[in-house]
N, C-alpha and C. Protein backbone atom coordinates (compact mmCIF):
# COMPACT_ATOMS: atom_id res chain seq x y z
N MET A 1 -11.35 -48.98 0.45
CA MET A 1 -12.79 -47.84 0.21
C MET A 1 -12.60 -47.41 0.85
N ALA A 2 -11.84 -47.56 2.23
CA ALA A 2 -11.41 -46.25 3.03
C ALA A 2 -11.04 -45.04 2.78
N PRO A 3 -9.88 -45.43 2.02
CA PRO A 3 -8.80 -44.63 1.59
C PRO A 3 -9.62 -43.43 0.09
N ALA A 4 -10.89 -44.44 -0.44
CA ALA A 4 -11.04 -43.36 -1.50
C ALA A 4 -12.06 -42.21 -0.72
N ILE A 5 -12.68 -43.04 0.01
CA ILE A 5 -13.77 -41.97 1.26
C ILE A 5 -13.25 -40.86 1.62
N ARG A 6 -11.74 -41.02 2.17
CA ARG A 6 -11.13 -39.94 2.80
C ARG A 6 -10.63 -39.14 1.74
N ASN A 7 -10.25 -39.71 0.47
CA ASN A 7 -10.27 -38.29 -1.05
C ASN A 7 -11.04 -37.78 -1.28
N LEU A 8 -12.16 -38.38 -1.12
CA LEU A 8 -13.39 -38.11 -1.21
C LEU A 8 -13.94 -36.83 -0.35
N GLY A 9 -13.82 -36.91 0.79
CA GLY A 9 -14.15 -36.15 1.56
C GLY A 9 -13.39 -34.84 2.14
N PHE A 10 -12.06 -34.96 1.59
CA PHE A 10 -10.78 -34.44 1.48
C PHE A 10 -11.34 -33.48 0.16
N ALA A 11 -11.59 -33.89 -0.68
CA ALA A 11 -11.79 -32.87 -2.12
C ALA A 11 -13.11 -31.74 -1.87
N VAL A 12 -14.60 -32.29 -1.01
CA VAL A 12 -15.33 -32.33 -0.70
C VAL A 12 -15.11 -30.67 0.13
N LEU A 13 -14.33 -31.18 1.05
CA LEU A 13 -13.70 -29.42 2.28
C LEU A 13 -12.85 -28.79 1.34
N LEU A 14 -12.32 -29.12 0.51
CA LEU A 14 -11.47 -28.31 -0.28
C LEU A 14 -12.40 -27.14 -1.36
N VAL A 15 -13.43 -27.88 -2.17
CA VAL A 15 -14.36 -27.04 -2.89
C VAL A 15 -15.11 -26.21 -1.87
N VAL A 16 -15.55 -26.78 -0.94
CA VAL A 16 -16.29 -25.83 0.28
C VAL A 16 -15.30 -24.46 0.73
N GLY A 17 -14.37 -24.67 1.03
CA GLY A 17 -13.46 -23.90 1.30
C GLY A 17 -13.27 -22.89 0.70
N LEU A 18 -13.19 -23.31 -0.91
CA LEU A 18 -12.53 -22.40 -2.27
C LEU A 18 -13.84 -21.44 -2.08
N ILE A 19 -15.39 -22.26 -1.83
CA ILE A 19 -16.20 -21.42 -1.73
C ILE A 19 -16.39 -20.21 -1.03
N VAL A 20 -16.31 -20.35 0.11
CA VAL A 20 -16.07 -19.89 1.38
C VAL A 20 -15.17 -18.72 1.06
N CYS A 21 -14.04 -19.06 0.54
CA CYS A 21 -13.01 -17.70 0.66
C CYS A 21 -13.90 -17.12 -0.86
N SER A 22 -14.36 -17.45 -2.01
CA SER A 22 -14.69 -16.61 -2.91
C SER A 22 -16.02 -15.86 -2.59
N THR A 23 -16.33 -16.36 -1.62
CA THR A 23 -17.86 -15.51 -1.02
C THR A 23 -17.37 -14.59 0.15
N ALA A 24 -15.77 -14.97 1.02
CA ALA A 24 -15.83 -14.21 1.75
C ALA A 24 -15.40 -12.25 0.45
N VAL A 25 -14.80 -12.79 -0.19
CA VAL A 25 -14.07 -11.84 -1.35
C VAL A 25 -15.15 -11.29 -1.75
N SER A 26 -16.17 -11.56 -2.22
CA SER A 26 -16.85 -11.06 -3.15
C SER A 26 -17.84 -9.93 -2.26
N ALA A 27 -17.96 -10.64 -0.66
CA ALA A 27 -18.80 -10.07 0.11
C ALA A 27 -18.32 -8.66 0.57
N LYS A 28 -16.78 -8.69 0.53
CA LYS A 28 -15.62 -7.68 1.18
C LYS A 28 -16.96 -6.18 1.38
N GLN A 29 -16.76 -5.81 2.77
CA GLN A 29 -17.47 -4.52 3.32
C GLN A 29 -15.97 -3.73 3.37
N CYS A 30 -16.76 -2.26 3.09
CA CYS A 30 -15.62 -1.19 3.80
C CYS A 30 -16.01 -0.37 5.00
N ILE A 31 -15.19 -0.41 5.51
CA ILE A 31 -15.55 0.68 6.50
C ILE A 31 -15.37 2.47 6.91
N SER A 32 -15.95 2.81 7.31
CA SER A 32 -15.86 4.33 7.00
C SER A 32 -16.53 4.76 8.44
N VAL A 33 -16.28 6.13 8.93
CA VAL A 33 -16.55 7.06 9.92
C VAL A 33 -17.17 8.23 9.41
N ALA A 34 -18.13 8.66 10.93
CA ALA A 34 -18.94 9.49 10.65
C ALA A 34 -17.71 10.63 10.89
N PRO A 35 -19.02 11.98 10.18
CA PRO A 35 -17.67 12.97 9.77
C PRO A 35 -17.55 13.88 10.47
N GLY A 36 -17.95 13.82 11.54
CA GLY A 36 -17.77 14.46 13.06
C GLY A 36 -16.43 13.36 13.82
N CYS A 37 -16.66 12.46 13.60
CA CYS A 37 -15.78 11.65 14.44
C CYS A 37 -14.17 12.03 14.55
N ASP A 38 -13.57 12.37 16.06
CA ASP A 38 -12.15 13.08 15.78
C ASP A 38 -11.31 11.39 15.93
N THR A 39 -11.06 11.26 14.74
CA THR A 39 -10.08 10.31 14.48
C THR A 39 -8.40 10.51 15.35
N LYS A 40 -8.19 11.79 15.53
CA LYS A 40 -6.86 11.86 15.76
C LYS A 40 -7.14 12.14 17.18
N GLY A 41 -8.00 11.70 18.23
CA GLY A 41 -7.89 11.84 19.85
C GLY A 41 -7.36 10.12 19.98
N GLY A 42 -7.41 10.25 21.25
CA GLY A 42 -6.92 9.35 22.06
C GLY A 42 -5.58 8.83 21.54
N GLY A 43 -4.61 9.74 21.36
CA GLY A 43 -3.40 10.12 20.91
C GLY A 43 -3.02 9.68 19.38
N TRP A 44 -3.62 9.67 18.67
CA TRP A 44 -3.57 9.17 17.59
C TRP A 44 -3.42 10.46 16.84
N ASN A 45 -2.01 11.35 17.38
CA ASN A 45 -2.24 12.90 16.52
C ASN A 45 -1.57 12.63 14.71
N GLU A 46 -1.31 11.76 14.34
CA GLU A 46 -0.93 11.90 13.18
C GLU A 46 -2.35 10.48 12.31
N ALA A 47 -3.10 10.40 12.80
CA ALA A 47 -3.92 9.33 11.92
C ALA A 47 -4.44 10.21 11.29
N GLU A 48 -5.12 9.21 10.28
CA GLU A 48 -5.68 9.77 8.86
C GLU A 48 -6.28 8.76 8.33
N PHE A 49 -7.79 8.26 8.90
CA PHE A 49 -8.83 7.45 8.84
C PHE A 49 -8.16 6.93 7.42
N PRO A 50 -8.38 5.34 6.78
CA PRO A 50 -7.80 4.23 7.88
C PRO A 50 -6.41 3.98 8.73
N HIS A 51 -5.81 4.80 8.52
CA HIS A 51 -4.24 4.74 8.73
C HIS A 51 -3.92 5.11 10.61
N ALA A 52 -3.52 4.71 11.23
CA ALA A 52 -3.26 5.17 12.33
C ALA A 52 -1.95 6.03 12.59
N ARG A 53 -1.28 6.10 11.62
CA ARG A 53 0.05 7.51 11.30
C ARG A 53 0.28 7.63 9.81
N VAL A 54 -0.06 9.02 9.14
CA VAL A 54 0.45 9.41 8.16
C VAL A 54 1.00 10.60 8.70
N GLY A 55 3.15 10.51 8.62
CA GLY A 55 3.42 11.74 9.11
C GLY A 55 4.29 12.21 8.03
N ALA A 56 4.88 12.49 8.56
CA ALA A 56 6.14 13.63 7.93
C ALA A 56 7.65 12.85 7.23
N CYS A 57 8.62 13.45 6.73
CA CYS A 57 9.84 12.68 6.85
C CYS A 57 10.71 13.15 7.96
N ASP A 58 10.85 13.36 8.92
CA ASP A 58 11.05 13.53 10.43
C ASP A 58 12.22 13.05 10.46
N TYR A 59 12.04 11.71 10.58
CA TYR A 59 13.15 10.44 10.49
C TYR A 59 14.19 10.62 9.38
N PHE A 60 13.48 11.04 8.14
CA PHE A 60 14.79 10.94 7.28
C PHE A 60 15.95 12.29 7.26
N GLU A 61 15.42 13.55 7.63
CA GLU A 61 15.38 14.73 7.84
C GLU A 61 16.74 14.70 9.44
N THR A 62 16.35 13.67 10.04
CA THR A 62 17.45 13.09 11.25
C THR A 62 18.46 12.87 11.08
N ILE A 63 18.11 11.77 10.10
CA ILE A 63 19.76 10.74 9.59
C ILE A 63 20.24 11.67 8.74
N PHE A 64 20.11 12.69 7.78
CA PHE A 64 20.90 13.44 6.77
C PHE A 64 21.28 14.57 7.32
N GLU A 65 21.14 14.68 8.50
CA GLU A 65 21.68 16.10 8.98
C GLU A 65 22.72 16.63 8.89
N GLY A 66 23.45 17.68 9.28
CA GLY A 66 24.48 17.93 8.98
C GLY A 66 25.25 18.53 7.95
N VAL A 67 26.87 17.66 7.48
CA VAL A 67 26.98 18.23 6.02
C VAL A 67 26.17 17.54 4.94
N SER A 68 25.32 16.07 5.03
CA SER A 68 24.94 15.35 3.95
C SER A 68 23.78 16.63 3.89
N GLY A 69 22.86 17.00 5.01
CA GLY A 69 21.69 17.91 5.21
C GLY A 69 22.18 19.35 3.86
N GLN A 70 23.14 19.76 4.69
CA GLN A 70 23.81 21.14 3.87
C GLN A 70 23.89 20.79 2.25
N LEU A 71 24.17 19.91 2.42
CA LEU A 71 24.67 19.59 1.10
C LEU A 71 23.12 19.51 -0.13
N LEU A 72 22.91 19.05 0.43
CA LEU A 72 21.31 18.48 -0.28
C LEU A 72 20.18 19.84 -0.33
N TYR A 73 20.52 20.61 0.77
CA TYR A 73 19.87 22.17 0.65
C TYR A 73 20.37 23.02 -0.29
N ALA A 74 21.46 22.88 -0.41
CA ALA A 74 22.52 23.13 -1.69
C ALA A 74 22.25 23.17 -2.96
N LEU A 75 21.82 21.64 -3.29
CA LEU A 75 21.47 21.65 -4.40
C LEU A 75 19.89 21.47 -4.85
N SER A 76 19.09 22.08 -3.44
CA SER A 76 17.48 22.40 -3.93
C SER A 76 16.71 20.92 -4.19
N LEU A 77 16.84 19.86 -3.48
CA LEU A 77 16.37 18.58 -3.52
C LEU A 77 15.31 19.00 -3.09
N PRO A 78 14.54 17.97 -3.61
CA PRO A 78 13.02 18.15 -3.25
C PRO A 78 12.24 17.46 -1.80
N ASP A 79 11.33 17.69 -1.68
CA ASP A 79 10.47 17.92 -0.48
C ASP A 79 9.80 16.05 -0.53
N LEU A 80 10.04 15.35 -0.10
CA LEU A 80 9.88 13.94 0.00
C LEU A 80 8.83 13.12 0.80
N THR A 81 7.79 14.58 1.51
CA THR A 81 7.21 13.80 2.00
C THR A 81 5.41 13.25 2.10
N PRO A 82 5.22 13.08 0.50
CA PRO A 82 4.32 12.58 -0.43
C PRO A 82 4.71 10.96 0.09
N ALA A 83 6.08 10.85 -0.46
CA ALA A 83 6.67 9.57 -0.54
C ALA A 83 6.68 9.19 0.56
N CYS A 84 7.46 9.73 1.90
CA CYS A 84 6.66 9.11 3.00
C CYS A 84 5.63 8.64 3.62
N LYS A 85 4.49 9.74 3.24
CA LYS A 85 2.80 9.18 3.82
C LYS A 85 2.64 7.98 2.63
N VAL A 86 3.10 7.69 1.39
CA VAL A 86 2.81 6.11 0.88
C VAL A 86 3.55 5.26 1.76
N HIS A 87 4.59 5.61 2.45
CA HIS A 87 5.71 4.45 3.28
C HIS A 87 4.07 4.38 4.36
N ASP A 88 3.89 5.48 4.91
CA ASP A 88 3.02 5.29 6.49
C ASP A 88 1.61 4.85 5.91
N ARG A 89 1.01 4.96 4.51
CA ARG A 89 -0.14 4.37 4.51
C ARG A 89 0.05 2.71 4.24
N CYS A 90 1.27 2.39 3.93
CA CYS A 90 1.21 0.57 3.87
C CYS A 90 1.87 0.14 5.21
N TYR A 91 2.71 1.06 5.89
CA TYR A 91 2.69 0.08 7.45
C TYR A 91 1.39 0.37 7.91
N TYR A 92 0.79 1.60 8.02
CA TYR A 92 -0.06 1.61 9.16
C TYR A 92 -1.47 1.58 8.33
N SER A 93 -1.50 0.32 7.82
CA SER A 93 -2.38 -0.20 7.30
C SER A 93 -3.48 -1.70 7.85
N ASN A 94 -4.77 -1.97 7.23
CA ASN A 94 -5.06 -3.24 7.15
C ASN A 94 -5.02 -4.15 6.52
N LEU A 95 -4.23 -4.03 5.30
CA LEU A 95 -3.68 -5.13 4.01
C LEU A 95 -2.59 -6.25 4.32
N GLU A 96 -1.95 -6.29 5.70
CA GLU A 96 -0.87 -6.73 5.76
C GLU A 96 -0.28 -7.34 4.93
N GLU A 97 0.59 -5.87 4.39
CA GLU A 97 1.57 -6.36 3.62
C GLU A 97 2.70 -5.90 3.76
N SER A 98 3.76 -6.59 3.27
CA SER A 98 5.13 -6.75 4.00
C SER A 98 6.01 -5.88 3.88
N ALA A 99 6.91 -5.98 4.75
CA ALA A 99 7.78 -4.34 4.42
C ALA A 99 8.81 -4.34 3.61
N ASP A 100 9.17 -5.60 2.67
CA ASP A 100 9.50 -5.14 1.24
C ASP A 100 8.82 -4.50 0.43
N VAL A 101 7.72 -4.91 0.43
CA VAL A 101 6.30 -4.32 -0.77
C VAL A 101 6.11 -2.70 -0.12
N CYS A 102 6.38 -2.47 1.16
CA CYS A 102 6.28 -1.27 1.54
C CYS A 102 7.32 -0.04 1.41
N ASN A 103 8.26 -0.96 1.77
CA ASN A 103 9.53 -0.06 1.23
C ASN A 103 10.07 0.47 -0.17
N ARG A 104 9.40 -0.96 -1.12
CA ARG A 104 9.76 -0.57 -2.36
C ARG A 104 8.96 0.02 -3.37
N ARG A 105 7.70 0.36 -2.23
CA ARG A 105 6.90 1.81 -2.98
C ARG A 105 7.27 3.10 -2.63
N PHE A 106 7.60 2.69 -1.54
CA PHE A 106 8.33 3.98 -0.71
C PHE A 106 9.60 4.90 -1.61
N PHE A 107 10.22 3.56 -1.93
CA PHE A 107 11.58 4.16 -3.33
C PHE A 107 10.82 4.52 -4.49
N ASP A 108 10.17 3.47 -5.18
CA ASP A 108 9.55 4.19 -6.47
C ASP A 108 9.29 5.21 -6.05
N ALA A 109 8.30 5.81 -5.24
CA ALA A 109 7.43 7.45 -5.31
C ALA A 109 8.92 8.19 -5.16
N MET A 110 9.73 7.96 -4.17
CA MET A 110 10.70 9.19 -4.18
C MET A 110 11.69 9.24 -5.77
N LEU A 111 11.74 8.19 -6.67
CA LEU A 111 12.12 8.13 -7.82
C LEU A 111 11.14 9.18 -8.72
N VAL A 112 9.90 8.75 -8.38
CA VAL A 112 9.36 9.59 -9.31
C VAL A 112 9.17 11.51 -8.87
N ILE A 113 9.41 11.27 -7.39
CA ILE A 113 9.50 12.83 -7.06
C ILE A 113 10.85 13.22 -7.92
N CYS A 114 12.11 12.30 -7.91
CA CYS A 114 13.24 13.04 -8.00
C CYS A 114 12.88 13.64 -9.63
N GLN A 115 12.37 12.54 -10.18
CA GLN A 115 11.68 12.59 -11.89
C GLN A 115 11.24 13.93 -11.95
N GLU A 116 9.78 13.94 -11.54
CA GLU A 116 9.14 14.83 -11.61
C GLU A 116 9.89 16.44 -11.41
N LYS A 117 10.67 16.52 -10.52
CA LYS A 117 11.20 17.77 -10.51
C LYS A 117 12.87 17.99 -11.64
N PHE A 118 13.66 17.39 -11.66
CA PHE A 118 14.92 17.26 -12.29
C PHE A 118 14.73 16.26 -13.66
N GLY A 119 13.39 15.97 -14.18
CA GLY A 119 13.58 15.19 -15.11
C GLY A 119 14.03 15.73 -16.25
N GLU A 120 13.72 16.54 -16.72
CA GLU A 120 13.58 17.70 -18.11
C GLU A 120 14.31 18.53 -17.24
N GLY A 121 15.52 19.06 -18.48
CA GLY A 121 16.18 20.15 -18.01
C GLY A 121 17.68 20.27 -18.50
N ASP A 122 18.42 21.25 -18.12
CA ASP A 122 19.78 21.51 -18.26
C ASP A 122 20.96 20.27 -17.80
N ALA A 123 21.93 20.50 -17.96
CA ALA A 123 23.19 19.91 -17.13
C ALA A 123 22.72 20.06 -15.94
N LEU A 124 22.61 21.01 -15.48
CA LEU A 124 22.79 21.06 -13.80
C LEU A 124 21.45 20.32 -13.17
N GLY A 125 20.31 20.47 -13.67
CA GLY A 125 18.97 19.60 -13.94
C GLY A 125 19.44 17.87 -13.72
N GLU A 126 20.27 17.60 -15.07
CA GLU A 126 21.12 16.24 -14.93
C GLU A 126 21.90 15.82 -13.69
N MET A 127 22.64 16.88 -13.55
CA MET A 127 23.25 16.62 -12.37
C MET A 127 22.30 16.48 -10.75
N ARG A 128 21.52 17.48 -10.86
CA ARG A 128 20.44 17.16 -9.50
C ARG A 128 19.61 15.96 -9.55
N LEU A 129 19.36 15.48 -10.77
CA LEU A 129 18.70 14.26 -10.72
C LEU A 129 19.57 13.21 -10.33
N ARG A 130 20.55 12.78 -10.86
CA ARG A 130 21.60 12.29 -10.42
C ARG A 130 21.91 11.94 -8.85
N ALA A 131 21.77 13.22 -8.13
CA ALA A 131 22.34 13.33 -7.11
C ALA A 131 21.11 13.02 -6.38
N CYS A 132 19.87 13.30 -6.52
CA CYS A 132 18.49 12.83 -6.05
C CYS A 132 18.45 11.40 -6.32
N THR A 133 18.34 10.86 -7.19
CA THR A 133 18.47 9.02 -6.93
C THR A 133 19.37 8.72 -6.83
N THR A 134 20.46 9.02 -6.23
CA THR A 134 21.41 8.77 -5.11
C THR A 134 20.94 9.17 -3.72
N TRP A 135 20.57 10.01 -3.54
CA TRP A 135 20.36 10.52 -1.94
C TRP A 135 19.29 9.57 -1.79
N VAL A 136 17.89 9.08 -2.84
CA VAL A 136 17.07 8.09 -2.02
C VAL A 136 17.35 6.78 -2.15
N ALA A 137 18.11 6.23 -2.77
CA ALA A 137 18.55 5.12 -2.84
C ALA A 137 19.43 4.92 -1.46
N GLU A 138 20.04 5.77 -0.74
CA GLU A 138 20.56 5.91 0.15
C GLU A 138 19.29 5.61 1.42
N ILE A 139 18.68 6.80 1.20
CA ILE A 139 17.16 6.48 2.45
C ILE A 139 16.58 5.21 2.38
N ALA A 140 16.08 4.67 1.04
CA ALA A 140 15.99 3.69 0.82
C ALA A 140 16.70 2.56 1.54
N GLU A 141 18.04 2.37 1.42
CA GLU A 141 18.95 1.69 2.39
C GLU A 141 18.72 1.50 3.71
N ALA A 142 18.45 2.43 4.19
CA ALA A 142 18.52 2.95 5.68
C ALA A 142 17.21 3.09 6.05
N VAL A 143 16.38 2.50 5.67
CA VAL A 143 14.71 1.98 6.34
C VAL A 143 14.86 0.65 6.08
N HIS A 144 15.06 0.22 5.13
CA HIS A 144 15.53 -1.42 4.85
C HIS A 144 15.91 -1.70 6.11
N ALA A 145 17.19 -1.67 6.29
CA ALA A 145 17.92 -1.92 7.19
C ALA A 145 17.12 -1.68 8.81
N ALA A 146 16.90 -0.29 9.17
CA ALA A 146 16.21 -0.21 10.15
C ALA A 146 15.07 -1.23 10.26
N ALA A 147 14.12 -1.62 9.21
CA ALA A 147 12.70 -1.87 9.39
C ALA A 147 13.06 -3.71 9.88
N GLY A 148 14.23 -4.06 9.62
CA GLY A 148 15.12 -5.42 10.12
C GLY A 148 15.07 -5.47 11.45
N ARG A 149 15.91 -4.60 11.69
CA ARG A 149 16.92 -4.41 12.83
C ARG A 149 15.86 -3.92 14.02
N ASP A 150 15.05 -2.86 14.16
CA ASP A 150 13.92 -2.11 14.80
C ASP A 150 12.64 -2.77 15.10
N GLU A 151 12.14 -3.86 13.91
CA GLU A 151 10.91 -4.16 13.92
C GLU A 151 9.95 -3.13 13.73
N ASN A 152 9.88 -1.98 13.25
CA ASN A 152 9.13 -1.03 13.00
C ASN A 152 7.78 -1.70 12.15
N LEU A 153 7.53 -2.86 11.28
CA LEU A 153 6.70 -3.02 10.91
C LEU A 153 5.62 -3.57 11.76
N PRO A 154 6.17 -4.66 12.76
CA PRO A 154 5.15 -5.68 13.65
C PRO A 154 4.66 -3.98 14.73
N ARG A 155 5.42 -3.38 15.02
CA ARG A 155 5.12 -1.84 15.96
C ARG A 155 3.60 -1.16 15.32
N ALA A 156 4.13 -0.87 14.04
CA ALA A 156 3.06 -0.62 13.29
C ALA A 156 1.68 -0.92 13.25
N ARG A 157 1.69 -2.53 12.96
CA ARG A 157 0.68 -3.42 12.99
C ARG A 157 0.38 -3.26 14.00
N ALA A 158 0.68 -3.31 15.34
CA ALA A 158 -0.09 -3.50 16.54
C ALA A 158 -0.33 -2.23 16.53
N SER A 159 0.07 -0.97 16.62
CA SER A 159 -0.84 0.24 16.52
C SER A 159 -1.44 0.24 15.90
N GLN A 160 -2.21 0.10 14.48
CA GLN A 160 -3.05 0.16 13.48
C GLN A 160 -4.61 -0.88 14.29
N LYS A 161 -3.82 -1.87 14.61
CA LYS A 161 -5.09 -2.58 15.60
C LYS A 161 -5.27 -1.78 16.68
N ASP A 162 -4.41 -1.21 16.86
CA ASP A 162 -5.13 -0.33 18.59
C ASP A 162 -6.24 0.58 17.91
N TYR A 163 -5.26 1.14 17.22
CA TYR A 163 -6.38 2.39 16.39
C TYR A 163 -7.85 2.32 16.01
N MET A 164 -7.73 1.01 15.43
CA MET A 164 -9.11 0.42 14.47
C MET A 164 -10.01 0.52 16.00
N LYS A 165 -9.43 -0.30 16.76
CA LYS A 165 -10.23 -0.48 18.15
C LYS A 165 -10.95 0.53 18.68
N TYR A 166 -9.66 1.84 19.03
CA TYR A 166 -10.40 2.73 19.06
C TYR A 166 -11.46 3.06 18.08
N ILE A 167 -11.30 3.71 17.07
CA ILE A 167 -12.12 3.98 16.19
C ILE A 167 -13.79 3.19 16.34
N LYS A 168 -13.64 1.78 16.74
CA LYS A 168 -14.61 1.63 16.66
C LYS A 168 -15.56 1.55 17.91
N LYS A 169 -14.86 1.47 19.11
CA LYS A 169 -15.58 2.31 20.60
C LYS A 169 -15.84 3.63 20.09
N SER A 170 -14.97 4.48 19.92
CA SER A 170 -15.13 5.80 19.76
C SER A 170 -16.18 6.50 18.74
N CYS A 171 -16.26 5.92 17.81
CA CYS A 171 -16.62 6.76 16.67
C CYS A 171 -17.93 5.91 15.83
N ARG A 172 -19.08 6.58 15.64
CA ARG A 172 -20.14 5.64 14.70
C ARG A 172 -19.74 5.14 13.39
N THR A 173 -19.46 3.95 13.36
CA THR A 173 -19.20 3.35 12.02
C THR A 173 -19.61 2.78 11.45
N LYS A 174 -19.75 2.54 9.93
CA LYS A 174 -20.83 2.21 9.23
C LYS A 174 -19.71 1.28 8.17
N SER A 175 -20.58 0.04 7.45
CA SER A 175 -19.84 -0.47 6.48
C SER A 175 -21.20 -0.22 5.12
N TRP A 176 -19.92 -0.20 3.80
CA TRP A 176 -20.60 0.13 2.43
C TRP A 176 -19.92 -1.08 1.36
N ASP A 177 -20.31 -0.89 0.58
CA ASP A 177 -20.08 -1.67 -0.55
C ASP A 177 -18.47 -0.95 -1.35
N PRO A 178 -17.53 -1.92 -1.93
CA PRO A 178 -16.75 -1.22 -2.22
C PRO A 178 -16.98 -0.50 -4.17
N TYR A 179 -16.35 0.30 -4.34
CA TYR A 179 -16.66 1.33 -5.40
C TYR A 179 -16.64 0.24 -6.50
N PRO A 180 -17.75 0.26 -7.32
CA PRO A 180 -17.48 -0.29 -8.40
C PRO A 180 -16.42 -0.28 -9.82
N CYS A 181 -16.24 -1.29 -10.75
CA CYS A 181 -15.73 -0.67 -11.59
C CYS A 181 -16.35 -0.14 -12.65
N ALA A 182 -15.56 1.04 -13.45
CA ALA A 182 -15.85 1.96 -14.42
C ALA A 182 -16.46 0.75 -15.57
N GLU A 183 -17.72 1.30 -16.22
CA GLU A 183 -18.40 0.58 -17.18
C GLU A 183 -18.11 1.18 -18.58
N PRO A 184 -18.11 0.46 -19.79
CA PRO A 184 -19.04 -0.89 -19.86
C PRO A 184 -17.18 -1.96 -19.66
N ALA A 185 -17.54 -3.12 -19.03
CA ALA A 185 -16.40 -3.58 -19.04
C ALA A 185 -15.59 -3.65 -20.08
N PRO A 186 -14.45 -4.00 -20.40
CA PRO A 186 -13.39 -4.09 -21.49
C PRO A 186 -13.67 -5.23 -22.13
N ASP A 187 -13.45 -5.48 -23.32
CA ASP A 187 -13.66 -6.47 -23.88
C ASP A 187 -12.42 -6.87 -24.66
N GLU A 188 -11.73 -7.32 -23.95
CA GLU A 188 -10.32 -7.80 -24.44
C GLU A 188 -9.68 -9.08 -23.80
N CYS A 189 -9.34 -10.17 -25.17
CA CYS A 189 -8.31 -11.09 -24.73
C CYS A 189 -7.71 -11.54 -25.09
N ARG A 190 -6.56 -12.12 -24.81
CA ARG A 190 -5.32 -12.68 -25.54
C ARG A 190 -4.76 -13.96 -25.31
N GLN A 191 -4.18 -14.59 -26.30
CA GLN A 191 -3.60 -15.95 -26.15
C GLN A 191 -2.36 -15.69 -25.35
N THR A 192 -1.86 -16.57 -24.51
CA THR A 192 -0.64 -16.54 -23.63
C THR A 192 -0.34 -18.06 -23.28
N ASP A 193 0.68 -18.30 -22.79
CA ASP A 193 1.40 -19.38 -22.46
C ASP A 193 0.48 -20.11 -21.30
N ALA A 194 -0.31 -19.05 -20.60
CA ALA A 194 -1.31 -19.44 -19.47
C ALA A 194 -2.44 -20.00 -20.42
N GLY A 195 -2.93 -19.57 -21.51
CA GLY A 195 -4.07 -20.14 -21.62
C GLY A 195 -4.79 -18.86 -22.33
N THR A 196 -6.00 -19.08 -22.58
CA THR A 196 -6.92 -17.46 -22.87
C THR A 196 -7.20 -16.66 -21.67
N CYS A 197 -6.91 -15.36 -21.64
CA CYS A 197 -6.74 -14.90 -20.70
C CYS A 197 -7.54 -13.44 -21.00
N CYS A 198 -8.39 -12.89 -20.12
CA CYS A 198 -9.21 -11.74 -20.59
C CYS A 198 -9.63 -11.02 -19.74
N ARG A 199 -9.48 -9.64 -20.14
CA ARG A 199 -9.88 -8.35 -18.79
C ARG A 199 -10.92 -8.68 -18.60
N ASN A 200 -11.43 -9.32 -17.19
CA ASN A 200 -12.87 -9.43 -16.99
C ASN A 200 -13.27 -9.62 -15.41
N ARG A 201 -12.24 -9.01 -14.72
CA ARG A 201 -12.17 -9.28 -13.37
C ARG A 201 -12.23 -8.03 -12.89
N CYS A 202 -13.42 -7.60 -12.20
CA CYS A 202 -13.34 -6.54 -11.36
C CYS A 202 -12.56 -6.70 -10.09
N ALA A 203 -11.65 -5.62 -9.91
CA ALA A 203 -10.87 -5.61 -8.72
C ALA A 203 -11.50 -4.44 -7.79
N ARG A 204 -12.13 -4.30 -6.90
CA ARG A 204 -13.38 -3.67 -6.56
C ARG A 204 -12.22 -2.60 -5.24
N SER A 205 -11.87 -1.59 -5.34
CA SER A 205 -11.62 -0.75 -4.52
C SER A 205 -12.53 0.25 -2.98
N CYS A 206 -12.08 0.33 -2.23
CA CYS A 206 -12.51 1.19 -1.49
C CYS A 206 -12.65 2.44 -1.74
N THR A 207 -11.38 2.81 -2.07
CA THR A 207 -11.15 4.37 -2.40
C THR A 207 -11.44 4.36 -3.95
N GLN A 208 -12.56 5.55 -4.18
CA GLN A 208 -13.03 6.18 -5.68
C GLN A 208 -11.95 6.03 -6.59
N GLY A 209 -12.38 5.69 -7.59
CA GLY A 209 -11.42 5.68 -9.06
C GLY A 209 -10.07 4.35 -8.99
N GLU A 210 -10.26 3.71 -8.01
CA GLU A 210 -8.84 3.00 -7.98
C GLU A 210 -9.51 1.36 -7.88
N SER A 211 -10.96 1.48 -8.33
CA SER A 211 -11.35 0.06 -8.60
C SER A 211 -10.85 -0.41 -9.80
N ARG A 212 -10.22 -1.46 -10.73
CA ARG A 212 -10.17 -1.65 -11.86
C ARG A 212 -10.55 -2.72 -12.60
N TRP A 213 -10.31 -3.15 -14.32
CA TRP A 213 -10.80 -4.11 -14.40
C TRP A 213 -9.42 -5.05 -14.45
N GLU A 214 -8.96 -6.68 -14.12
CA GLU A 214 -7.78 -7.31 -13.87
C GLU A 214 -8.11 -8.28 -15.24
N TRP A 215 -6.53 -8.62 -15.88
CA TRP A 215 -6.48 -9.77 -16.04
C TRP A 215 -6.73 -11.11 -15.70
N GLN A 216 -7.38 -12.27 -15.94
CA GLN A 216 -7.81 -13.32 -15.27
C GLN A 216 -7.71 -14.78 -16.59
N CYS A 217 -6.78 -15.30 -16.45
CA CYS A 217 -6.75 -16.61 -17.65
C CYS A 217 -6.83 -17.86 -17.17
N SER A 218 -7.36 -18.51 -18.58
CA SER A 218 -8.30 -20.35 -18.03
C SER A 218 -7.00 -20.45 -19.13
N GLY A 219 -6.68 -21.96 -18.24
CA GLY A 219 -6.10 -23.16 -18.59
C GLY A 219 -6.43 -23.27 -20.08
N ARG A 220 -5.15 -24.32 -20.76
CA ARG A 220 -5.68 -24.86 -21.87
C ARG A 220 -6.33 -25.85 -22.24
């Protein structure tokens, strides 16, 4: 009888835990700061709320200076600053995403920049596209190696926590509900190996325009 009681107790705790987690997700709150708040104060010169740092590509420019940098300049390769900002927003965030995820987003963003500049053109454009994709692959590899060696991600996350403490101490903050998904909800379902899948789960975001309907499946 005792094992059965223990199993029942474990099941109850598990269900309660799932309910609590579900409630926490559905009750998610976004944080914003007063418009007049100086989020770049306190030494956070490259802050872009809610990120402690959103900088340029000075690190990569240093890596590829000299002969390599002159070649890149001659080929008119594009400015990678938008991709570098994607990387910084991932590293300096409260989402706790892994270095691999952030580095992959960075690489994908660089590839998009190459494609947008050289994707349609003559033979010279094709040559530049190949050079650009090779270049960004080298940059992605260098970033991946640096992340493992220098532990940049833990330092970035520590800096992010300090930044949020500064914001809460120095600025008027307020909480608000995430943006809702666009209505009406899509009426889409399909049969898969996982069972019946419908696009009826609203993944709400704190960024306007990024809340979206996602698929969720129920077992057979």
